[in-house]
Amino acid sequence: MLSYHTDIPTDLPLLKQAVEAIRREESGGAVPDTDPPRVIYEARNRLYAIRTAQGEQVVKSFRIPIAIQRVVYSFFRPSKAARSYRNAIRLGRCGIGTPRPAGYAIESEKGLLRRSYYVCESMHDCRDIRLSMQGVEGGGALLRALAGFIARMHRAGIHHIDLSPGNVLYRTDEKGEYSFYLIDLNRMKFYDKPIVGRKACANFARLSFCPPVSKRLAEYYAEAQGLNTNEVVEGVQSESDRFFRSKVRKYARKALVREQKRMSRSAFRRAYIHYRSVRLVRKLTGSTRLFRIENDLYFSFLEVGDLRHTLKRAEGYSSSKNIQ
């Protein structure tokens, strides 16, 4: 059974058209008299772009949850699609940019959620901030505007848990002024007071693996919030280091196993267990011989995932051949 949900009745035909087209596409059926939907992103979930009479729309098709999640989303917690829609509505009321939401649809089977779909307008004239967060493009004007945008979110008590470069879109107008838009909205929290202190700094943690970019962004944020610059910079850098260090193994495995296909999953697992064992014994014994082995292991398969070089700096690894 398929049910449609929207707060605006006039959006219902658009919602039905978009979701039904995606369901036909996913089932292998033809989409009559229209441009077929095209996949614009595919990972755990899938994003489609589809042309409608109301303009291009984006449909997020969430993957089928595991059994326990189907029960949870059916009886105890709103589905990801429902949360995405409700959070988009709240963002709009707070004056925070996000693609205009059309609604969501829930497919149920034997009383349990099977699939869910979220539909919103396409922001095809926007781009994400990935290159800016790598220091490749943009510059001070964009970073200052982005910091101001995040400051407005925090003053409004809005916490986007997945605030990453791919989830912030922007466009510029003819005057060169920036407008920002949040996407991937199913994990958000709204508080009745501003977000401050460590929680505010931690919200920057995923944004950049480039310390100079993090530093400038923190400086502009401190300026926008009227805070002590040194304290904010220290907090943002510390939280960013902590986050990226926790992801070294994940990012290295993704690069070597999935993207470069240089290692199998089991080979990576064995190499990582070996590295951790060597590091543990080295820390207990202070052995310089073991440190050299540990250092070599890091550069052989972990460096590629140490995007911010936090593990390298913390452990003192060096590519020099003259390690004592």
Protein backbone atom coordinates (compact mmCIF):
# COMPACT_ATOMS: atom_id res chain seq x y z
CA MET A 1 0.00 0.00 0.00
CA LEU A 2 1.27 3.46 -0.92
CA SER A 3 0.28 6.60 0.98
CA TYR A 4 1.09 10.22 0.13
CA HIS A 5 1.65 13.02 2.62
CA THR A 6 1.87 16.78 2.09
CA ASP A 7 0.71 19.86 3.97
CA ILE A 8 -0.22 21.61 0.72
CA PRO A 9 -3.08 19.90 -1.18
CA THR A 10 -2.07 21.50 -4.49
CA ASP A 11 1.28 19.68 -4.24
CA LEU A 12 -0.40 16.27 -4.17
CA PRO A 13 -0.58 15.74 -7.99
CA LEU A 14 3.10 16.68 -8.29
CA LEU A 15 4.02 14.33 -5.44
CA LYS A 16 2.12 11.44 -6.98
CA GLN A 17 3.55 12.03 -10.45
CA ALA A 18 7.13 12.11 -9.18
CA VAL A 19 6.91 9.08 -6.89
CA GLU A 20 4.98 6.94 -9.36
CA ALA A 21 7.54 7.68 -12.07
CA ILE A 22 10.36 6.59 -9.77
CA ARG A 23 8.54 3.42 -8.76
CA ARG A 24 8.04 2.51 -12.42
CA GLU A 25 11.71 3.20 -13.06
CA GLU A 26 12.82 1.03 -10.13
CA SER A 27 10.53 -1.81 -11.18
CA GLY A 28 11.80 -1.68 -14.76
CA GLY A 29 8.55 -0.38 -16.24
CA ALA A 30 8.28 2.32 -18.89
CA VAL A 31 7.56 5.92 -17.97
CA PRO A 32 4.93 7.02 -20.54
CA ASP A 33 5.09 10.33 -22.40
CA THR A 34 7.70 11.89 -20.12
CA ASP A 35 11.44 12.18 -19.87
CA PRO A 36 12.64 9.19 -17.84
CA PRO A 37 14.00 9.96 -14.37
CA ARG A 38 17.76 10.06 -14.19
CA VAL A 39 19.88 8.91 -11.28
CA ILE A 40 21.98 11.79 -9.94
CA TYR A 41 23.41 10.03 -6.87
CA GLU A 42 23.55 6.44 -5.70
CA ALA A 43 24.91 4.99 -2.47
CA ARG A 44 22.85 3.65 0.41
CA ASN A 45 19.94 5.66 -0.94
CA ARG A 46 19.26 6.87 -4.46
CA LEU A 47 18.51 10.36 -5.78
CA TYR A 48 16.57 10.90 -8.99
CA ALA A 49 15.86 14.04 -10.98
CA ILE A 50 12.57 14.12 -12.86
CA ARG A 51 10.96 16.77 -15.06
CA THR A 52 7.39 17.77 -14.23
CA ALA A 53 4.99 20.52 -15.27
CA GLN A 54 6.06 22.36 -12.10
CA GLY A 55 9.74 22.14 -12.98
CA GLU A 56 12.46 19.63 -12.18
CA GLN A 57 12.03 17.75 -8.92
CA VAL A 58 14.39 15.55 -6.92
CA VAL A 59 13.13 12.30 -5.43
CA LYS A 60 15.11 10.61 -2.69
CA SER A 61 14.36 6.91 -2.63
CA PHE A 62 15.39 5.47 0.72
CA ARG A 63 16.60 1.88 0.74
CA ILE A 64 14.47 -0.84 2.30
CA PRO A 65 15.27 -0.89 6.05
CA ILE A 66 16.30 -4.02 7.92
CA ALA A 67 13.54 -5.84 9.82
CA ILE A 68 13.94 -4.09 13.17
CA GLN A 69 14.05 -0.68 11.50
CA ARG A 70 10.84 -1.45 9.63
CA VAL A 71 9.14 -2.01 12.96
CA VAL A 72 10.66 1.13 14.49
CA TYR A 73 9.72 3.34 11.54
CA SER A 74 6.20 1.90 11.44
CA PHE A 75 5.29 2.33 15.10
CA PHE A 76 7.83 4.30 17.12
CA ARG A 77 9.64 6.83 14.95
CA PRO A 78 8.85 8.78 11.77
CA SER A 79 10.45 7.45 8.60
CA LYS A 80 13.47 9.20 7.12
CA ALA A 81 11.28 10.60 4.36
CA ALA A 82 8.79 11.99 6.87
CA ARG A 83 11.56 13.55 8.94
CA SER A 84 13.11 15.08 5.83
CA TYR A 85 9.80 16.73 4.93
CA ARG A 86 8.99 17.96 8.44
CA ASN A 87 12.50 19.31 8.92
CA ALA A 88 12.32 21.13 5.58
CA ILE A 89 9.07 22.77 6.68
CA ARG A 90 10.66 23.88 9.96
CA LEU A 91 13.73 25.24 8.21
CA GLY A 92 11.52 27.30 5.93
CA ARG A 93 9.67 28.76 8.90
CA CYS A 94 13.02 29.69 10.46
CA GLY A 95 14.20 31.42 7.28
CA ILE A 96 16.93 28.86 6.60
CA GLY A 97 17.34 27.86 2.96
CA THR A 98 16.44 24.39 1.74
CA PRO A 99 14.90 23.09 -1.52
CA ARG A 100 11.14 23.60 -1.46
CA PRO A 101 9.56 20.35 -0.18
CA ALA A 102 6.61 18.83 -2.03
CA GLY A 103 5.90 15.92 0.30
CA TYR A 104 6.73 12.29 0.95
CA ALA A 105 5.30 8.85 0.27
CA ILE A 106 5.31 5.66 2.33
CA GLU A 107 5.02 2.15 0.92
CA SER A 108 3.79 -0.37 3.48
CA GLU A 109 3.73 -4.15 3.31
CA LYS A 110 1.81 -6.21 5.87
CA GLY A 111 1.51 -3.17 8.09
CA LEU A 112 5.24 -2.38 8.09
CA LEU A 113 7.15 0.31 6.24
CA ARG A 114 8.94 -1.01 3.18
CA ARG A 115 10.07 2.02 1.19
CA SER A 116 9.83 5.76 1.61
CA TYR A 117 10.31 8.65 -0.81
CA TYR A 118 10.96 12.34 -0.26
CA VAL A 119 10.25 14.87 -3.02
CA CYS A 120 11.58 18.42 -3.25
CA GLU A 121 12.46 20.94 -5.93
CA SER A 122 15.72 20.56 -7.83
CA MET A 123 18.47 23.07 -7.12
CA HIS A 124 20.17 22.49 -10.47
CA ASP A 125 21.59 26.01 -10.51
CA CYS A 126 23.40 25.44 -7.21
CA ARG A 127 26.66 23.71 -6.37
CA ASP A 128 27.92 22.17 -3.17
CA ILE A 129 30.80 23.51 -1.08
CA ARG A 130 33.17 20.53 -1.46
CA LEU A 131 35.86 22.35 -3.45
CA SER A 132 35.58 25.40 -1.21
CA MET A 133 36.15 23.25 1.87
CA GLN A 134 39.27 21.82 0.23
CA GLY A 135 40.62 25.32 -0.39
CA VAL A 136 40.44 24.78 -4.16
CA GLU A 137 37.92 27.50 -4.99
CA GLY A 138 35.86 30.20 -3.36
CA GLY A 139 37.79 32.28 -0.88
CA GLY A 140 37.21 34.65 1.97
CA ALA A 141 33.89 36.00 0.71
CA LEU A 142 32.32 32.54 0.49
CA LEU A 143 33.75 31.41 3.83
CA ARG A 144 32.52 34.56 5.55
CA ALA A 145 29.04 34.11 4.08
CA LEU A 146 28.98 30.42 5.03
CA ALA A 147 30.07 31.21 8.58
CA GLY A 148 27.27 33.77 8.80
CA PHE A 149 24.77 31.20 7.55
CA ILE A 150 25.86 28.66 10.17
CA ALA A 151 25.75 31.37 12.83
CA ARG A 152 22.11 32.11 11.91
CA MET A 153 21.32 28.40 12.19
CA HIS A 154 22.91 28.18 15.62
CA ARG A 155 21.17 31.32 16.88
CA ALA A 156 17.88 29.73 15.79
CA GLY A 157 18.73 26.52 17.68
CA ILE A 158 19.09 24.45 14.49
CA HIS A 159 21.54 21.54 14.52
CA HIS A 160 22.12 19.73 11.23
CA ILE A 161 23.82 16.56 12.43
CA ASP A 162 25.19 15.70 8.96
CA LEU A 163 26.58 19.15 8.17
CA SER A 164 29.10 18.07 5.54
CA PRO A 165 30.34 19.70 2.31
CA GLY A 166 27.97 17.66 0.15
CA ASN A 167 24.95 18.72 2.19
CA VAL A 168 25.35 22.48 1.80
CA LEU A 169 24.48 24.02 -1.57
CA TYR A 170 24.96 27.61 -2.63
CA ARG A 171 24.33 30.04 -5.44
CA THR A 172 25.35 33.63 -6.06
CA ASP A 173 23.17 36.43 -7.41
CA GLU A 174 24.08 39.19 -9.84
CA LYS A 175 25.52 41.22 -6.96
CA GLY A 176 27.80 38.37 -5.93
CA GLU A 177 25.86 37.67 -2.74
CA TYR A 178 25.62 34.09 -1.52
CA SER A 179 22.54 32.07 -0.64
CA PHE A 180 22.93 28.70 1.08
CA TYR A 181 20.61 25.69 1.18
CA LEU A 182 20.66 22.58 3.39
CA ILE A 183 19.91 19.11 2.04
CA ASP A 184 19.89 15.57 3.51
CA LEU A 185 17.58 16.67 6.29
CA ASN A 186 16.50 13.46 8.01
CA ARG A 187 18.98 13.90 10.89
CA MET A 188 18.37 17.28 12.48
CA LYS A 189 17.55 18.67 15.89
CA PHE A 190 15.74 21.87 16.77
CA TYR A 191 16.33 23.48 20.16
CA ASP A 192 14.46 26.28 21.90
CA LYS A 193 17.74 28.05 22.66
CA PRO A 194 20.87 28.92 20.66
CA ILE A 195 23.56 26.30 20.05
CA VAL A 196 26.76 27.39 21.78
CA GLY A 197 30.07 26.13 23.11
CA ARG A 198 31.41 22.72 22.21
CA LYS A 199 28.22 21.66 20.41
CA ALA A 200 28.55 24.65 18.09
CA CYS A 201 32.22 23.92 17.40
CA ALA A 202 31.51 20.23 16.85
CA ASN A 203 28.99 21.13 14.16
CA PHE A 204 31.95 22.26 12.01
CA ALA A 205 33.82 18.97 12.42
CA ARG A 206 32.78 17.33 9.13
CA LEU A 207 33.16 20.40 6.93
CA SER A 208 36.85 20.49 6.04
CA PHE A 209 39.88 18.22 6.22
CA CYS A 210 42.02 21.28 5.44
CA PRO A 211 43.11 22.99 8.72
CA PRO A 212 43.66 26.43 7.11
CA VAL A 213 40.09 26.38 5.78
CA SER A 214 38.73 25.30 9.17
CA LYS A 215 40.69 28.10 10.81
CA ARG A 216 39.34 30.82 8.51
CA LEU A 217 35.80 29.51 8.81
CA ALA A 218 36.10 29.51 12.60
CA GLU A 219 37.46 33.07 12.57
CA TYR A 220 34.54 34.32 10.49
CA TYR A 221 32.09 32.43 12.71
CA ALA A 222 33.58 34.00 15.85
CA GLU A 223 33.23 37.40 14.19
CA ALA A 224 29.59 36.75 13.28
CA GLN A 225 28.78 35.55 16.80
CA GLY A 226 30.86 38.11 18.69
CA LEU A 227 32.95 35.38 20.33
CA ASN A 228 36.60 35.06 21.31
CA THR A 229 38.38 34.15 18.08
CA ASN A 230 41.15 32.04 19.63
CA GLU A 231 38.70 29.97 21.63
CA VAL A 232 36.48 29.28 18.63
CA VAL A 233 39.42 28.41 16.38
CA GLU A 234 40.83 26.05 19.00
CA GLY A 235 37.43 24.43 19.49
CA VAL A 236 36.70 23.97 15.78
CA GLN A 237 40.19 22.62 15.03
CA SER A 238 40.03 20.21 17.95
CA GLU A 239 36.59 18.88 17.00
CA SER A 240 37.61 18.58 13.34
CA ASP A 241 40.77 16.68 14.28
CA ARG A 242 38.78 14.34 16.52
CA PHE A 243 36.20 13.60 13.81
CA PHE A 244 38.66 12.96 10.98
CA ARG A 245 40.92 10.82 13.16
CA SER A 246 37.92 8.64 14.01
CA LYS A 247 37.33 8.12 10.28
CA VAL A 248 40.86 7.16 9.17
CA ARG A 249 40.11 3.44 8.99
CA LYS A 250 36.79 3.98 7.18
CA TYR A 251 38.22 6.39 4.62
CA ALA A 252 41.29 4.21 3.98
CA ARG A 253 39.14 1.13 3.46
CA LYS A 254 36.84 3.04 1.09
CA ALA A 255 39.79 4.29 -0.96
CA LEU A 256 41.75 1.04 -1.15
CA VAL A 257 38.94 -1.51 -1.29
CA ARG A 258 36.07 0.20 -3.08
CA GLU A 259 37.65 2.92 -5.21
CA GLN A 260 41.20 1.87 -6.08
CA LYS A 261 40.54 -1.86 -5.60
CA ARG A 262 44.10 -2.34 -4.37
CA MET A 263 43.08 -4.56 -1.46
CA SER A 264 40.31 -6.99 -0.65
CA ARG A 265 38.14 -6.31 2.38
CA SER A 266 39.66 -9.24 4.26
CA ALA A 267 43.22 -8.15 3.41
CA PHE A 268 42.49 -4.67 4.69
CA ARG A 269 41.03 -6.11 7.90
CA ARG A 270 44.13 -8.23 8.50
CA ALA A 271 46.44 -5.29 7.81
CA TYR A 272 44.53 -3.07 10.21
CA ILE A 273 44.57 -5.68 12.99
CA HIS A 274 48.33 -6.07 12.45
CA TYR A 275 48.80 -2.29 12.66
CA ARG A 276 46.77 -1.99 15.86
CA SER A 277 48.62 -4.90 17.46
CA VAL A 278 52.02 -3.44 16.61
CA ARG A 279 50.98 -0.01 17.88
CA LEU A 280 49.69 -1.43 21.16
CA VAL A 281 52.87 -3.40 21.90
CA ARG A 282 55.03 -0.44 20.83
CA LYS A 283 53.22 1.84 23.27
CA LEU A 284 53.66 -0.69 26.06
CA THR A 285 57.34 -1.36 25.39
CA GLY A 286 58.61 1.84 23.78
CA SER A 287 60.32 -0.24 21.09
CA THR A 288 61.86 1.84 18.28
CA ARG A 289 61.94 -1.23 16.04
CA LEU A 290 58.18 -1.66 16.41
CA PHE A 291 57.67 2.06 15.77
CA ARG A 292 59.46 1.71 12.44
CA ILE A 293 57.16 -1.19 11.52
CA GLU A 294 54.13 0.79 12.67
CA ASN A 295 55.28 3.82 10.69
CA ASP A 296 55.68 1.72 7.53
CA LEU A 297 52.25 0.16 8.00
CA TYR A 298 50.70 3.62 8.31
CA PHE A 299 52.19 4.80 5.02
CA SER A 300 51.41 1.53 3.24
CA PHE A 301 47.64 1.61 3.75
CA LEU A 302 46.37 4.17 6.29
CA GLU A 303 47.81 7.45 5.06
CA VAL A 304 45.29 7.58 2.21
CA GLY A 305 42.48 7.76 4.79
CA ASP A 306 44.19 10.22 7.12
CA LEU A 307 42.74 13.19 5.24
CA ARG A 308 43.54 15.75 7.90
CA HIS A 309 46.81 14.05 8.94
CA THR A 310 45.59 13.93 12.52
CA LEU A 311 46.81 10.36 13.12
CA LYS A 312 50.16 11.15 11.51
CA ARG A 313 50.66 14.21 13.72
CA ALA A 314 49.47 12.49 16.89
CA GLU A 315 51.77 9.47 16.50
CA GLY A 316 54.72 11.29 14.94
CA TYR A 317 54.84 9.25 11.74
CA SER A 318 57.30 10.40 9.09
CA SER A 319 58.07 9.42 5.51
CA SER A 320 61.76 10.04 6.21
CA LYS A 321 63.98 6.99 5.90
CA ASN A 322 66.01 8.10 8.92
CA ILE A 323 63.59 7.18 11.68
CA GLN A 324 65.40 6.37 14.89
